[in-house]
Amino acid sequence: KKENIFGDALALIKNTHASFVNLECPLTTSTHPVAKSGPNLKSHPDCIHALNNFSIIGLANNHIMDFGSTGLKTTINACRSINVSTTGAGINLIEARRFHTITLEGLSVSVIAISEHEFNQAGENTPGSAPIDLIDNYHQIKEAKKIADMVIVTLHGGNEYFPYPRPGLRKLCQHYIDLGVEAVICHHPHVPG
C-alpha cells in the first residue's frame, strides 16, 4: 500500500481526530517544468492515495508550481478525488488565501497555509500558493477567528538544513500568535526544528 510510506506514524495519522500534511510537489504527468533554480519536483497523480488518511492537505510551498498551472490543477483534482480538502494554493490569489475549517467533537478549527516566495506565489489572476503578507494574513486570521474556535497557521519557510528559525521568521510567527492564532507550524528546512 502507498500509505505504508508513513511507517510507524501511520497508526497515529489514522487514529487522530484530524491531521494535516504539506504536499511538497505537484501531482502531475506533465513533462513541462517551469524555469527556476533548484529541482522541479513532481509525483504521479495516483500517489494521492497515500494521503487518504489526512484531513487537510496543505499546498502552500516552494514546489507546488514546479509544473505550472497544469501541475497545480491536477494536484487539486487529485485531492478532490479522495475527498480531502486543500488549503494554501489555488488558481488565483483569492482561492489561494482560502483557509479550511473542520469541526472536531464540537470544536471548529481553521487552518491557514502560507509560504515564503520562491517561484510559487499566486497573483490576482495567476495560480500559486498563498503568500506571507502581513496585511493579507491579518485579514485571513481575522476572518478565520470569526467562524472558528481555534486558528492554526502553517508556514512553509525557513533556512534549509538549519534547525533554528532565523530571527525574522521567529518574530513573524510571534506576530501571528499575538493576532490570536493558537499555533504556527513551520515546515521547509528538511530537519527537525
Protein backbone atom coordinates (compact mmCIF):
# COMPACT_ATOMS: atom_id res chain seq x y z
CA LYS A 1 0.00 0.00 0.00
CA LYS A 2 1.19 3.51 -0.81
CA GLU A 3 0.30 4.72 2.69
CA ASN A 4 2.99 2.45 4.18
CA ILE A 5 5.49 5.20 3.37
CA PHE A 6 4.50 6.71 6.75
CA GLY A 7 5.86 3.72 8.68
CA ASP A 8 5.26 3.93 12.43
CA ALA A 9 3.47 7.29 12.05
CA LEU A 10 0.63 5.69 10.05
CA ALA A 11 -1.22 4.47 13.15
CA LEU A 12 -1.04 7.95 14.67
CA ILE A 13 -2.33 9.54 11.45
CA LYS A 14 -5.21 7.06 11.22
CA ASN A 15 -6.24 7.33 14.87
CA THR A 16 -6.24 11.10 15.29
CA HIS A 17 -9.28 13.35 15.02
CA ALA A 18 -7.63 15.46 12.32
CA SER A 19 -4.32 15.51 10.53
CA PHE A 20 -2.53 17.92 8.18
CA VAL A 21 0.14 17.18 5.61
CA ASN A 22 2.17 19.52 3.43
CA LEU A 23 2.25 18.11 -0.12
CA GLU A 24 5.51 19.50 -1.41
CA CYS A 25 5.20 18.64 -5.06
CA PRO A 26 2.54 18.75 -7.73
CA LEU A 27 0.83 15.50 -8.67
CA THR A 28 1.03 15.54 -12.44
CA THR A 29 2.09 13.68 -15.55
CA SER A 30 3.20 16.94 -17.18
CA THR A 31 6.62 16.93 -18.82
CA HIS A 32 6.88 20.73 -18.87
CA PRO A 33 8.65 22.05 -15.76
CA VAL A 34 8.87 25.78 -15.12
CA ALA A 35 12.23 27.52 -15.45
CA LYS A 36 13.68 28.03 -11.96
CA SER A 37 16.77 27.38 -9.91
CA GLY A 38 16.72 24.17 -7.93
CA PRO A 39 14.96 20.91 -8.71
CA ASN A 40 11.49 20.62 -10.23
CA LEU A 41 9.66 18.01 -8.17
CA LYS A 42 6.56 16.02 -9.08
CA SER A 43 4.79 12.74 -8.39
CA HIS A 44 2.21 10.79 -10.31
CA PRO A 45 -1.42 11.74 -9.51
CA ASP A 46 -2.06 8.17 -8.29
CA CYS A 47 0.25 8.89 -5.34
CA ILE A 48 -2.64 10.83 -3.79
CA HIS A 49 -3.92 7.53 -2.37
CA ALA A 50 -1.03 7.57 0.11
CA LEU A 51 -2.61 10.68 1.65
CA ASN A 52 -6.17 9.43 2.04
CA ASN A 53 -5.90 9.28 5.85
CA PHE A 54 -5.26 13.01 6.19
CA SER A 55 -7.96 15.57 6.93
CA ILE A 56 -6.34 18.55 5.17
CA ILE A 57 -3.62 18.78 2.54
CA GLY A 58 -1.57 21.98 2.51
CA LEU A 59 -0.35 23.18 -0.86
CA ALA A 60 1.47 26.38 0.17
CA ASN A 61 5.10 25.57 -0.52
CA ASN A 62 8.00 26.32 -2.84
CA HIS A 63 7.43 23.35 -5.18
CA ILE A 64 3.68 23.43 -5.83
CA MET A 65 4.18 25.40 -9.07
CA ASP A 66 7.13 23.34 -10.38
CA PHE A 67 4.98 22.21 -13.33
CA GLY A 68 2.97 25.40 -13.70
CA SER A 69 -0.79 25.79 -13.60
CA THR A 70 -1.27 22.33 -15.12
CA GLY A 71 0.57 20.74 -12.22
CA LEU A 72 -1.41 22.70 -9.65
CA LYS A 73 -4.76 21.90 -11.28
CA THR A 74 -4.07 18.17 -11.49
CA THR A 75 -2.93 18.24 -7.85
CA ILE A 76 -6.14 19.90 -6.67
CA ASN A 77 -8.20 17.46 -8.75
CA ALA A 78 -6.29 14.51 -7.28
CA CYS A 79 -7.03 15.75 -3.75
CA ARG A 80 -10.70 16.15 -4.62
CA SER A 81 -10.76 12.60 -5.99
CA ILE A 82 -10.13 11.23 -2.47
CA ASN A 83 -12.39 13.83 -0.78
CA VAL A 84 -9.58 15.52 1.17
CA SER A 85 -9.71 19.30 1.42
CA THR A 86 -6.81 21.54 0.46
CA THR A 87 -5.65 24.93 1.64
CA GLY A 88 -2.87 27.31 0.68
CA ALA A 89 -2.93 27.30 -3.13
CA GLY A 90 -5.36 27.99 -5.93
CA ILE A 91 -5.94 29.25 -9.44
CA ASN A 92 -5.71 32.85 -8.22
CA LEU A 93 -4.83 34.78 -5.07
CA ILE A 94 -8.38 34.75 -3.68
CA GLU A 95 -8.57 30.97 -3.92
CA ALA A 96 -5.03 30.51 -2.60
CA ARG A 97 -5.83 32.55 0.52
CA ARG A 98 -8.87 30.43 1.43
CA PHE A 99 -8.46 28.68 4.73
CA HIS A 100 -10.11 25.39 5.59
CA THR A 101 -12.24 24.81 8.68
CA ILE A 102 -13.04 21.45 10.23
CA THR A 103 -15.15 20.53 13.25
CA LEU A 104 -13.76 18.09 15.80
CA GLU A 105 -16.09 16.94 18.56
CA GLY A 106 -17.90 20.30 18.53
CA LEU A 107 -14.71 22.38 18.26
CA SER A 108 -14.10 24.22 14.99
CA VAL A 109 -10.52 24.63 13.79
CA SER A 110 -9.41 26.75 10.83
CA VAL A 111 -6.10 26.06 9.09
CA ILE A 112 -4.38 28.82 7.14
CA ALA A 113 -1.46 27.73 4.93
CA ILE A 114 1.07 30.30 3.68
CA SER A 115 4.50 30.18 2.08
CA GLU A 116 7.61 32.24 1.54
CA HIS A 117 8.14 33.48 -2.02
CA GLU A 118 10.14 31.12 -4.22
CA PHE A 119 8.77 30.57 -7.76
CA ASN A 120 5.36 29.75 -6.31
CA GLN A 121 3.19 32.73 -5.34
CA ALA A 122 -0.35 33.24 -6.59
CA GLY A 123 -1.23 36.56 -8.14
CA GLU A 124 -4.51 38.37 -8.65
CA ASN A 125 -5.13 36.34 -11.83
CA THR A 126 -2.39 33.72 -11.68
CA PRO A 127 -2.20 30.39 -9.84
CA GLY A 128 0.11 29.59 -6.98
CA SER A 129 0.43 29.39 -3.23
CA ALA A 130 -0.79 31.81 -0.56
CA PRO A 131 1.99 34.25 0.33
CA ILE A 132 3.30 35.51 3.61
CA ASP A 133 1.85 39.01 3.63
CA LEU A 134 1.36 40.78 6.96
CA ILE A 135 -1.74 42.69 5.89
CA ASP A 136 -3.44 39.86 3.98
CA ASN A 137 -2.56 37.33 6.68
CA TYR A 138 -4.06 39.65 9.30
CA HIS A 139 -7.35 39.62 7.37
CA GLN A 140 -7.20 35.84 6.89
CA ILE A 141 -6.73 35.35 10.63
CA LYS A 142 -9.48 37.85 11.46
CA GLU A 143 -11.95 36.07 9.14
CA ALA A 144 -10.99 32.62 10.42
CA LYS A 145 -11.42 33.71 14.04
CA LYS A 146 -15.00 34.82 13.24
CA ILE A 147 -16.03 31.26 12.40
CA ALA A 148 -13.59 29.02 14.26
CA ASP A 149 -12.84 28.28 17.89
CA MET A 150 -9.16 27.79 17.05
CA VAL A 151 -6.93 29.03 14.22
CA ILE A 152 -3.67 27.37 13.18
CA VAL A 153 -1.21 28.81 10.66
CA THR A 154 1.13 26.52 8.75
CA LEU A 155 4.05 28.41 7.29
CA HIS A 156 6.38 27.00 4.67
CA GLY A 157 9.64 28.82 5.18
CA GLY A 158 12.96 28.94 6.91
CA ASN A 159 16.52 28.02 6.04
CA GLU A 160 17.14 24.54 4.69
CA TYR A 161 19.11 22.18 6.93
CA PHE A 162 19.21 24.68 9.80
CA PRO A 163 17.24 23.56 12.88
CA TYR A 164 16.52 27.03 14.28
CA PRO A 165 14.24 29.72 12.87
CA ARG A 166 16.01 32.88 11.79
CA PRO A 167 15.14 35.90 13.98
CA GLY A 168 12.81 37.49 11.41
CA LEU A 169 10.83 34.27 10.98
CA ARG A 170 10.55 33.85 14.73
CA LYS A 171 9.29 37.45 15.01
CA LEU A 172 6.75 36.82 12.23
CA CYS A 173 5.43 33.69 13.94
CA GLN A 174 5.13 35.56 17.25
CA HIS A 175 3.14 38.26 15.42
CA TYR A 176 0.63 35.65 14.24
CA ILE A 177 0.36 34.33 17.81
CA ASP A 178 -0.22 37.90 19.01
CA LEU A 179 -3.06 38.14 16.49
CA GLY A 180 -4.72 35.23 18.28
CA VAL A 181 -3.74 32.04 16.47
CA GLU A 182 -3.23 29.03 18.70
CA ALA A 183 -0.18 27.70 16.85
CA VAL A 184 2.17 28.46 13.98
CA ILE A 185 3.67 25.31 12.49
CA CYS A 186 6.67 25.88 10.24
CA HIS A 187 7.96 23.41 7.66
CA HIS A 188 10.61 23.56 4.93
CA PRO A 189 14.12 23.21 6.44
CA HIS A 190 14.33 19.38 5.97
CA VAL A 191 15.47 18.92 9.58
CA PRO A 192 13.57 18.88 12.90
CA GLY A 193 13.34 22.37 14.36
